[in-house]
Amino acid sequence: MSDESVKKTMGVALGVCLVCSILVSGSAVLLNDIQKENRKEEKLRNILISGDLYTKGSNITEIFKRNIQPEIIELQAGRPITEADYGDVFNIESFDINVIAKNPKTSRVLPVNQDIAQIRRVPEVMIIYKVKENIQITKLILPVYGNGLWDMMYGFIALDRDLTTIKGFTFYEHGETPGLGGEVDNPRWKKLWVGKQAYDIEGKVKISVIKGVVDPSSPVAKYQVDGLSGSTLTTRSVHNLVRFWLGDQGYGPYIERLREQGIDS
């Protein structure tokens, strides 16, 4: 083969590589935007699912705007922050739990003995969602997250107006093993949470995910949810993350304030 032929072959090969790299890069950028939008939609869908507001084929954004009132709260103080304090970081539209939790200015380190959800740092603020019917707040939807078997698990738990009865529970992102820990996505298991009591009459966190099946005749059955069959570690993770976020290091102070002042306040 002549030198000229070799040069032409190399030139064609390089040209093809260049074109392919441009196409791959362009596709990655395009797909990244689509993936971000899909993740946002999935998150909104799960907020509605936990609040029993979702029906298949419905307009998720429209239902969310009509029925959900987002609010950013200070966890330790147990009160909402004012809109004047929102700014670029505390923004309802772009609130990102991970960004807030990783920033030393907007989060704090958890002592090991308090970090049962294994999140290391807890945000100083969190976004919560109130479900509205006319002018009345009927449910409170709270983001929860914690370390699972393989990765972080992110979800929502909904409390009834009494701030004790669980009305819904769902995960929108996790890395648990399909068929085992991945059963957190099973509608039958999620339905087991509905009607359970998160707190006792003294306001102490009582909800627990047990190993095995709940005995309906037990006096504490109303505080218990069946564990995930064949997945002890994921069961324990869900138990811990729920109890963390409903407790004193999570939404406990905020829920206590609402009990004193009323959920509509």
C-alpha atoms as a PDB file:
ATOM      1  CA  MET A   1       0.000   0.000   0.000  1.00  0.00           C
ATOM      2  CA  SER A   2       1.364   3.428  -0.940  1.00  0.00           C
ATOM      3  CA  ASP A   3       2.061   6.148   1.592  1.00  0.00           C
ATOM      4  CA  GLU A   4      -0.725   8.201   0.033  1.00  0.00           C
ATOM      5  CA  SER A   5      -3.261   5.400   0.539  1.00  0.00           C
ATOM      6  CA  VAL A   6      -2.197   5.016   4.167  1.00  0.00           C
ATOM      7  CA  LYS A   7      -2.604   8.740   4.731  1.00  0.00           C
ATOM      8  CA  LYS A   8      -6.078   8.687   3.164  1.00  0.00           C
ATOM      9  CA  THR A   9      -7.101   5.707   5.289  1.00  0.00           C
ATOM     10  CA  MET A  10      -5.834   7.393   8.457  1.00  0.00           C
ATOM     11  CA  GLY A  11      -7.575  10.591   7.477  1.00  0.00           C
ATOM     12  CA  VAL A  12     -10.903   8.828   6.960  1.00  0.00           C
ATOM     13  CA  ALA A  13     -10.515   6.945  10.248  1.00  0.00           C
ATOM     14  CA  LEU A  14      -9.744  10.136  12.143  1.00  0.00           C
ATOM     15  CA  GLY A  15     -12.672  11.888  10.489  1.00  0.00           C
ATOM     16  CA  VAL A  16     -15.047   9.094  11.458  1.00  0.00           C
ATOM     17  CA  CYS A  17     -13.725   9.183  15.046  1.00  0.00           C
ATOM     18  CA  LEU A  18     -14.206  12.938  15.199  1.00  0.00           C
ATOM     19  CA  VAL A  19     -17.760  12.774  13.890  1.00  0.00           C
ATOM     20  CA  CYS A  20     -18.606   9.919  16.290  1.00  0.00           C
ATOM     21  CA  SER A  21     -17.152  11.786  19.269  1.00  0.00           C
ATOM     22  CA  ILE A  22     -19.227  14.859  18.402  1.00  0.00           C
ATOM     23  CA  LEU A  23     -22.367  12.742  18.086  1.00  0.00           C
ATOM     24  CA  VAL A  24     -21.682  10.917  21.370  1.00  0.00           C
ATOM     25  CA  SER A  25     -20.956  14.163  23.226  1.00  0.00           C
ATOM     26  CA  GLY A  26     -24.061  15.818  21.811  1.00  0.00           C
ATOM     27  CA  SER A  27     -26.215  12.826  22.701  1.00  0.00           C
ATOM     28  CA  ALA A  28     -24.798  12.742  26.242  1.00  0.00           C
ATOM     29  CA  VAL A  29     -25.689  16.407  26.782  1.00  0.00           C
ATOM     30  CA  LEU A  30     -29.159  15.918  25.310  1.00  0.00           C
ATOM     31  CA  LEU A  31     -29.824  12.736  27.274  1.00  0.00           C
ATOM     32  CA  ASN A  32     -28.534  14.324  30.481  1.00  0.00           C
ATOM     33  CA  ASP A  33     -31.202  17.029  30.245  1.00  0.00           C
ATOM     34  CA  ILE A  34     -33.852  14.407  29.535  1.00  0.00           C
ATOM     35  CA  GLN A  35     -32.677  12.266  32.463  1.00  0.00           C
ATOM     36  CA  LYS A  36     -32.773  15.269  34.806  1.00  0.00           C
ATOM     37  CA  GLU A  37     -36.316  16.042  33.701  1.00  0.00           C
ATOM     38  CA  ASN A  38     -37.336  12.395  34.143  1.00  0.00           C
ATOM     39  CA  ARG A  39     -35.856  12.320  37.657  1.00  0.00           C
ATOM     40  CA  LYS A  40     -37.712  15.511  38.539  1.00  0.00           C
ATOM     41  CA  GLU A  41     -40.979  14.071  37.227  1.00  0.00           C
ATOM     42  CA  GLU A  42     -40.409  10.800  39.097  1.00  0.00           C
ATOM     43  CA  LYS A  43     -39.836  12.739  42.310  1.00  0.00           C
ATOM     44  CA  LEU A  44     -43.041  14.741  41.857  1.00  0.00           C
ATOM     45  CA  ARG A  45     -44.928  11.537  41.041  1.00  0.00           C
ATOM     46  CA  ASN A  46     -43.763   9.940  44.286  1.00  0.00           C
ATOM     47  CA  ILE A  47     -44.741  12.993  46.309  1.00  0.00           C
ATOM     48  CA  LEU A  48     -48.238  12.625  44.883  1.00  0.00           C
ATOM     49  CA  ILE A  49     -48.237   8.840  45.415  1.00  0.00           C
ATOM     50  CA  SER A  50     -47.299   9.211  49.080  1.00  0.00           C
ATOM     51  CA  GLY A  51     -50.086  11.755  49.503  1.00  0.00           C
ATOM     52  CA  ASP A  52     -52.605   9.537  47.656  1.00  0.00           C
ATOM     53  CA  LEU A  53     -53.023  12.160  44.941  1.00  0.00           C
ATOM     54  CA  TYR A  54     -51.686  10.318  41.901  1.00  0.00           C
ATOM     55  CA  THR A  55     -53.727   8.591  39.227  1.00  0.00           C
ATOM     56  CA  LYS A  56     -52.129   7.020  36.174  1.00  0.00           C
ATOM     57  CA  GLY A  57     -52.151   9.302  33.154  1.00  0.00           C
ATOM     58  CA  SER A  58     -52.838  12.427  35.185  1.00  0.00           C
ATOM     59  CA  ASN A  59     -50.972  15.701  34.746  1.00  0.00           C
ATOM     60  CA  ILE A  60     -48.405  15.487  37.530  1.00  0.00           C
ATOM     61  CA  THR A  61     -47.320  19.137  37.436  1.00  0.00           C
ATOM     62  CA  GLU A  62     -50.892  20.395  37.422  1.00  0.00           C
ATOM     63  CA  ILE A  63     -51.949  18.221  40.381  1.00  0.00           C
ATOM     64  CA  PHE A  64     -48.821  19.210  42.304  1.00  0.00           C
ATOM     65  CA  LYS A  65     -49.423  22.943  41.809  1.00  0.00           C
ATOM     66  CA  ARG A  66     -53.087  22.618  42.729  1.00  0.00           C
ATOM     67  CA  ASN A  67     -52.708  20.469  45.846  1.00  0.00           C
ATOM     68  CA  ILE A  68     -49.192  20.830  47.243  1.00  0.00           C
ATOM     69  CA  GLN A  69     -47.804  23.696  49.284  1.00  0.00           C
ATOM     70  CA  PRO A  70     -43.991  23.373  49.604  1.00  0.00           C
ATOM     71  CA  GLU A  71     -42.225  24.934  52.560  1.00  0.00           C
ATOM     72  CA  ILE A  72     -38.607  25.128  53.695  1.00  0.00           C
ATOM     73  CA  ILE A  73     -38.114  24.593  57.414  1.00  0.00           C
ATOM     74  CA  GLU A  74     -35.278  24.799  59.930  1.00  0.00           C
ATOM     75  CA  LEU A  75     -35.024  21.337  61.451  1.00  0.00           C
ATOM     76  CA  GLN A  76     -33.596  22.179  64.869  1.00  0.00           C
ATOM     77  CA  ALA A  77     -35.764  25.261  65.349  1.00  0.00           C
ATOM     78  CA  GLY A  78     -38.824  23.442  64.019  1.00  0.00           C
ATOM     79  CA  ARG A  79     -40.139  26.389  62.065  1.00  0.00           C
ATOM     80  CA  PRO A  80     -40.406  27.599  58.456  1.00  0.00           C
ATOM     81  CA  ILE A  81     -37.843  30.061  57.155  1.00  0.00           C
ATOM     82  CA  THR A  82     -39.107  33.234  55.551  1.00  0.00           C
ATOM     83  CA  GLU A  83     -39.149  33.612  51.775  1.00  0.00           C
ATOM     84  CA  ALA A  84     -36.704  36.503  52.192  1.00  0.00           C
ATOM     85  CA  ASP A  85     -34.130  33.917  53.325  1.00  0.00           C
ATOM     86  CA  TYR A  86     -34.628  31.578  50.362  1.00  0.00           C
ATOM     87  CA  GLY A  87     -32.090  33.022  47.908  1.00  0.00           C
ATOM     88  CA  ASP A  88     -30.166  30.790  45.503  1.00  0.00           C
ATOM     89  CA  VAL A  89     -29.354  28.025  47.995  1.00  0.00           C
ATOM     90  CA  PHE A  90     -32.705  27.671  49.736  1.00  0.00           C
ATOM     91  CA  ASN A  91     -34.908  27.614  46.682  1.00  0.00           C
ATOM     92  CA  ILE A  92     -38.137  25.613  46.488  1.00  0.00           C
ATOM     93  CA  GLU A  93     -37.859  25.002  42.758  1.00  0.00           C
ATOM     94  CA  SER A  94     -34.281  23.739  42.827  1.00  0.00           C
ATOM     95  CA  PHE A  95     -33.944  22.423  46.390  1.00  0.00           C
ATOM     96  CA  ASP A  96     -31.383  19.602  46.377  1.00  0.00           C
ATOM     97  CA  ILE A  97     -30.982  17.582  49.568  1.00  0.00           C
ATOM     98  CA  ASN A  98     -27.497  16.405  48.589  1.00  0.00           C
ATOM     99  CA  VAL A  99     -26.218  19.913  47.853  1.00  0.00           C
ATOM    100  CA  ILE A 100     -27.531  21.208  51.186  1.00  0.00           C
ATOM    101  CA  ALA A 101     -26.230  18.205  53.151  1.00  0.00           C
ATOM    102  CA  LYS A 102     -22.708  18.366  51.700  1.00  0.00           C
ATOM    103  CA  ASN A 103     -22.254  22.092  52.306  1.00  0.00           C
ATOM    104  CA  PRO A 104     -20.697  22.755  55.760  1.00  0.00           C
ATOM    105  CA  LYS A 105     -22.518  26.109  55.832  1.00  0.00           C
ATOM    106  CA  THR A 106     -25.939  24.488  55.475  1.00  0.00           C
ATOM    107  CA  SER A 107     -25.463  21.215  57.354  1.00  0.00           C
ATOM    108  CA  ARG A 108     -23.899  19.792  60.500  1.00  0.00           C
ATOM    109  CA  VAL A 109     -21.993  16.641  61.338  1.00  0.00           C
ATOM    110  CA  LEU A 110     -23.954  14.004  63.218  1.00  0.00           C
ATOM    111  CA  PRO A 111     -22.385  12.217  66.195  1.00  0.00           C
ATOM    112  CA  VAL A 112     -22.060   8.508  65.405  1.00  0.00           C
ATOM    113  CA  ASN A 113     -24.507   7.537  68.163  1.00  0.00           C
ATOM    114  CA  GLN A 114     -27.203   9.762  66.614  1.00  0.00           C
ATOM    115  CA  ASP A 115     -26.581   8.835  62.989  1.00  0.00           C
ATOM    116  CA  ILE A 116     -28.820   5.760  62.784  1.00  0.00           C
ATOM    117  CA  ALA A 117     -29.677   6.586  59.146  1.00  0.00           C
ATOM    118  CA  GLN A 118     -25.945   6.669  58.303  1.00  0.00           C
ATOM    119  CA  ILE A 119     -26.072   9.992  56.485  1.00  0.00           C
ATOM    120  CA  ARG A 120     -23.060  11.558  58.312  1.00  0.00           C
ATOM    121  CA  ARG A 121     -24.320  15.125  57.911  1.00  0.00           C
ATOM    122  CA  VAL A 122     -27.839  16.402  58.450  1.00  0.00           C
ATOM    123  CA  PRO A 123     -29.138  19.483  56.581  1.00  0.00           C
ATOM    124  CA  GLU A 124     -29.962  22.520  58.679  1.00  0.00           C
ATOM    125  CA  VAL A 125     -33.053  22.978  56.507  1.00  0.00           C
ATOM    126  CA  MET A 126     -35.372  20.635  54.608  1.00  0.00           C
ATOM    127  CA  ILE A 127     -38.213  21.081  52.196  1.00  0.00           C
ATOM    128  CA  ILE A 128     -41.574  19.644  53.233  1.00  0.00           C
ATOM    129  CA  TYR A 129     -44.917  19.446  51.410  1.00  0.00           C
ATOM    130  CA  LYS A 130     -48.357  20.238  52.784  1.00  0.00           C
ATOM    131  CA  VAL A 131     -51.394  18.749  51.019  1.00  0.00           C
ATOM    132  CA  LYS A 132     -54.209  21.271  50.670  1.00  0.00           C
ATOM    133  CA  GLU A 133     -57.929  20.723  50.234  1.00  0.00           C
ATOM    134  CA  ASN A 134     -59.542  24.128  49.797  1.00  0.00           C
ATOM    135  CA  ILE A 135     -57.882  26.138  52.591  1.00  0.00           C
ATOM    136  CA  GLN A 136     -57.250  23.223  54.965  1.00  0.00           C
ATOM    137  CA  ILE A 137     -54.060  21.215  55.270  1.00  0.00           C
ATOM    138  CA  THR A 138     -54.982  17.524  55.240  1.00  0.00           C
ATOM    139  CA  LYS A 139     -51.591  15.794  55.101  1.00  0.00           C
ATOM    140  CA  LEU A 140     -47.916  16.449  55.628  1.00  0.00           C
ATOM    141  CA  ILE A 141     -45.410  14.866  53.202  1.00  0.00           C
ATOM    142  CA  LEU A 142     -41.858  14.570  54.489  1.00  0.00           C
ATOM    143  CA  PRO A 143     -38.732  13.643  52.496  1.00  0.00           C
ATOM    144  CA  VAL A 144     -36.692  10.879  54.143  1.00  0.00           C
ATOM    145  CA  TYR A 145     -33.394   9.308  53.210  1.00  0.00           C
ATOM    146  CA  GLY A 146     -30.696   7.053  54.580  1.00  0.00           C
ATOM    147  CA  ASN A 147     -28.078   4.525  53.656  1.00  0.00           C
ATOM    148  CA  GLY A 148     -29.391   1.220  52.295  1.00  0.00           C
ATOM    149  CA  LEU A 149     -27.538  -1.985  51.537  1.00  0.00           C
ATOM    150  CA  TRP A 150     -25.790  -0.621  48.424  1.00  0.00           C
ATOM    151  CA  ASP A 151     -26.551   3.078  48.194  1.00  0.00           C
ATOM    152  CA  MET A 152     -28.633   5.926  49.596  1.00  0.00           C
ATOM    153  CA  MET A 153     -32.404   5.477  49.607  1.00  0.00           C
ATOM    154  CA  TYR A 154     -34.633   8.527  49.040  1.00  0.00           C
ATOM    155  CA  GLY A 155     -38.350   8.608  49.633  1.00  0.00           C
ATOM    156  CA  PHE A 156     -41.366  10.285  51.186  1.00  0.00           C
ATOM    157  CA  ILE A 157     -43.572   9.515  54.158  1.00  0.00           C
ATOM    158  CA  ALA A 158     -46.980  11.163  54.510  1.00  0.00           C
ATOM    159  CA  LEU A 159     -48.700  11.869  57.821  1.00  0.00           C
ATOM    160  CA  ASP A 160     -52.404  12.542  58.243  1.00  0.00           C
ATOM    161  CA  ARG A 161     -53.719  15.776  59.692  1.00  0.00           C
ATOM    162  CA  ASP A 162     -53.379  14.249  63.168  1.00  0.00           C
ATOM    163  CA  LEU A 163     -49.584  14.180  62.575  1.00  0.00           C
ATOM    164  CA  THR A 164     -49.450  10.572  63.754  1.00  0.00           C
ATOM    165  CA  THR A 165     -51.280   8.325  61.274  1.00  0.00           C
ATOM    166  CA  ILE A 166     -49.203   7.319  58.250  1.00  0.00           C
ATOM    167  CA  LYS A 167     -51.069   7.864  54.966  1.00  0.00           C
ATOM    168  CA  GLY A 168     -48.386   6.834  52.491  1.00  0.00           C
ATOM    169  CA  PHE A 169     -44.774   5.777  52.080  1.00  0.00           C
ATOM    170  CA  THR A 170     -42.664   5.440  48.947  1.00  0.00           C
ATOM    171  CA  PHE A 171     -39.112   5.534  47.611  1.00  0.00           C
ATOM    172  CA  TYR A 172     -38.203   7.341  44.405  1.00  0.00           C
ATOM    173  CA  GLU A 173     -34.508   6.438  44.307  1.00  0.00           C
ATOM    174  CA  HIS A 174     -32.528   3.518  45.712  1.00  0.00           C
ATOM    175  CA  GLY A 175     -29.984   0.875  44.731  1.00  0.00           C
ATOM    176  CA  GLU A 176     -31.415  -2.130  46.540  1.00  0.00           C
ATOM    177  CA  THR A 177     -31.280  -5.637  45.053  1.00  0.00           C
ATOM    178  CA  PRO A 178     -34.246  -6.448  42.771  1.00  0.00           C
ATOM    179  CA  GLY A 179     -36.468  -9.130  44.287  1.00  0.00           C
ATOM    180  CA  LEU A 180     -34.993  -8.624  47.763  1.00  0.00           C
ATOM    181  CA  GLY A 181     -34.367  -5.125  49.150  1.00  0.00           C
ATOM    182  CA  GLY A 182     -35.859  -3.830  45.898  1.00  0.00           C
ATOM    183  CA  GLU A 183     -39.231  -4.927  47.279  1.00  0.00           C
ATOM    184  CA  VAL A 184     -39.439  -1.456  48.826  1.00  0.00           C
ATOM    185  CA  ASP A 185     -41.077  -0.662  45.462  1.00  0.00           C
ATOM    186  CA  ASN A 186     -43.722  -3.358  45.882  1.00  0.00           C
ATOM    187  CA  PRO A 187     -47.173  -1.704  46.115  1.00  0.00           C
ATOM    188  CA  ARG A 188     -48.363  -4.431  48.501  1.00  0.00           C
ATOM    189  CA  TRP A 189     -45.576  -3.664  50.952  1.00  0.00           C
ATOM    190  CA  LYS A 190     -46.038   0.094  50.697  1.00  0.00           C
ATOM    191  CA  LYS A 191     -49.747  -0.351  51.383  1.00  0.00           C
ATOM    192  CA  LEU A 192     -48.885  -1.989  54.729  1.00  0.00           C
ATOM    193  CA  TRP A 193     -47.758   1.413  56.011  1.00  0.00           C
ATOM    194  CA  VAL A 194     -51.105   3.105  55.508  1.00  0.00           C
ATOM    195  CA  GLY A 195     -52.960   3.499  58.798  1.00  0.00           C
ATOM    196  CA  LYS A 196     -49.957   2.689  60.992  1.00  0.00           C
ATOM    197  CA  GLN A 197     -49.151   5.049  63.864  1.00  0.00           C
ATOM    198  CA  ALA A 198     -45.830   6.876  63.730  1.00  0.00           C
ATOM    199  CA  TYR A 199     -46.011   8.199  67.317  1.00  0.00           C
ATOM    200  CA  ASP A 200     -47.562   7.144  70.618  1.00  0.00           C
ATOM    201  CA  ILE A 201     -49.857   9.397  72.655  1.00  0.00           C
ATOM    202  CA  GLU A 202     -46.825  11.042  74.267  1.00  0.00           C
ATOM    203  CA  GLY A 203     -45.375  11.992  70.893  1.00  0.00           C
ATOM    204  CA  LYS A 204     -42.521   9.473  70.956  1.00  0.00           C
ATOM    205  CA  VAL A 205     -41.511   7.753  67.705  1.00  0.00           C
ATOM    206  CA  LYS A 206     -42.966   4.234  67.784  1.00  0.00           C
ATOM    207  CA  ILE A 207     -43.150   3.080  64.172  1.00  0.00           C
ATOM    208  CA  SER A 208     -40.851   0.161  63.435  1.00  0.00           C
ATOM    209  CA  VAL A 209     -40.141  -2.232  60.582  1.00  0.00           C
ATOM    210  CA  ILE A 210     -39.795  -5.655  62.157  1.00  0.00           C
ATOM    211  CA  LYS A 211     -38.162  -8.869  61.059  1.00  0.00           C
ATOM    212  CA  GLY A 212     -40.950 -11.158  59.877  1.00  0.00           C
ATOM    213  CA  VAL A 213     -44.678 -10.552  59.859  1.00  0.00           C
ATOM    214  CA  VAL A 214     -46.679  -8.378  62.252  1.00  0.00           C
ATOM    215  CA  ASP A 215     -48.948 -10.230  64.666  1.00  0.00           C
ATOM    216  CA  PRO A 216     -52.301  -8.416  64.268  1.00  0.00           C
ATOM    217  CA  SER A 217     -53.326  -9.435  67.802  1.00  0.00           C
ATOM    218  CA  SER A 218     -50.288  -7.730  69.340  1.00  0.00           C
ATOM    219  CA  PRO A 219     -50.986  -4.521  71.300  1.00  0.00           C
ATOM    220  CA  VAL A 220     -48.157  -2.832  69.375  1.00  0.00           C
ATOM    221  CA  ALA A 221     -49.255  -4.015  65.924  1.00  0.00           C
ATOM    222  CA  LYS A 222     -50.424  -0.511  65.005  1.00  0.00           C
ATOM    223  CA  TYR A 223     -46.815   0.658  65.301  1.00  0.00           C
ATOM    224  CA  GLN A 224     -45.286  -2.175  63.251  1.00  0.00           C
ATOM    225  CA  VAL A 225     -44.747  -2.922  59.543  1.00  0.00           C
ATOM    226  CA  ASP A 226     -43.740  -6.293  58.062  1.00  0.00           C
ATOM    227  CA  GLY A 227     -40.069  -6.618  57.192  1.00  0.00           C
ATOM    228  CA  LEU A 228     -38.876  -7.321  53.654  1.00  0.00           C
ATOM    229  CA  SER A 229     -38.618 -11.070  53.140  1.00  0.00           C
ATOM    230  CA  GLY A 230     -35.033 -12.186  52.548  1.00  0.00           C
ATOM    231  CA  SER A 231     -33.567  -8.727  53.087  1.00  0.00           C
ATOM    232  CA  THR A 232     -32.719  -8.143  56.727  1.00  0.00           C
ATOM    233  CA  LEU A 233     -30.251  -5.323  56.022  1.00  0.00           C
ATOM    234  CA  THR A 234     -32.638  -3.274  53.858  1.00  0.00           C
ATOM    235  CA  THR A 235     -35.396  -3.822  56.436  1.00  0.00           C
ATOM    236  CA  ARG A 236     -33.099  -2.453  59.129  1.00  0.00           C
ATOM    237  CA  SER A 237     -32.112   0.491  56.914  1.00  0.00           C
ATOM    238  CA  VAL A 238     -35.731   1.489  56.285  1.00  0.00           C
ATOM    239  CA  HIS A 239     -36.513   1.133  59.997  1.00  0.00           C
ATOM    240  CA  ASN A 240     -33.581   3.364  60.943  1.00  0.00           C
ATOM    241  CA  LEU A 241     -34.078   6.083  58.351  1.00  0.00           C
ATOM    242  CA  VAL A 242     -37.778   6.473  59.137  1.00  0.00           C
ATOM    243  CA  ARG A 243     -37.173   6.666  62.878  1.00  0.00           C
ATOM    244  CA  PHE A 244     -34.325   9.133  62.363  1.00  0.00           C
ATOM    245  CA  TRP A 245     -36.343  11.566  60.283  1.00  0.00           C
ATOM    246  CA  LEU A 246     -39.420  11.398  62.496  1.00  0.00           C
ATOM    247  CA  GLY A 247     -37.256  11.889  65.593  1.00  0.00           C
ATOM    248  CA  ASP A 248     -35.532  14.765  67.341  1.00  0.00           C
ATOM    249  CA  GLN A 249     -32.697  15.100  64.805  1.00  0.00           C
ATOM    250  CA  GLY A 250     -35.172  15.234  61.931  1.00  0.00           C
ATOM    251  CA  TYR A 251     -38.723  16.582  61.802  1.00  0.00           C
ATOM    252  CA  GLY A 252     -39.494  16.008  65.481  1.00  0.00           C
ATOM    253  CA  PRO A 253     -39.218  19.686  66.559  1.00  0.00           C
ATOM    254  CA  TYR A 254     -41.297  20.829  63.574  1.00  0.00           C
ATOM    255  CA  ILE A 255     -44.041  18.271  64.190  1.00  0.00           C
ATOM    256  CA  GLU A 256     -44.113  19.185  67.892  1.00  0.00           C
ATOM    257  CA  ARG A 257     -44.573  22.843  66.934  1.00  0.00           C
ATOM    258  CA  LEU A 258     -47.455  21.955  64.604  1.00  0.00           C
ATOM    259  CA  ARG A 259     -49.102  19.939  67.403  1.00  0.00           C
ATOM    260  CA  GLU A 260     -48.953  23.010  69.632  1.00  0.00           C
ATOM    261  CA  GLN A 261     -49.930  25.647  67.079  1.00  0.00           C
ATOM    262  CA  GLY A 262     -52.010  23.622  64.600  1.00  0.00           C
ATOM    263  CA  ILE A 263     -51.077  22.105  61.250  1.00  0.00           C
ATOM    264  CA  ASP A 264     -52.621  25.054  59.372  1.00  0.00           C
ATOM    265  CA  SER A 265     -50.228  27.525  61.008  1.00  0.00           C
END
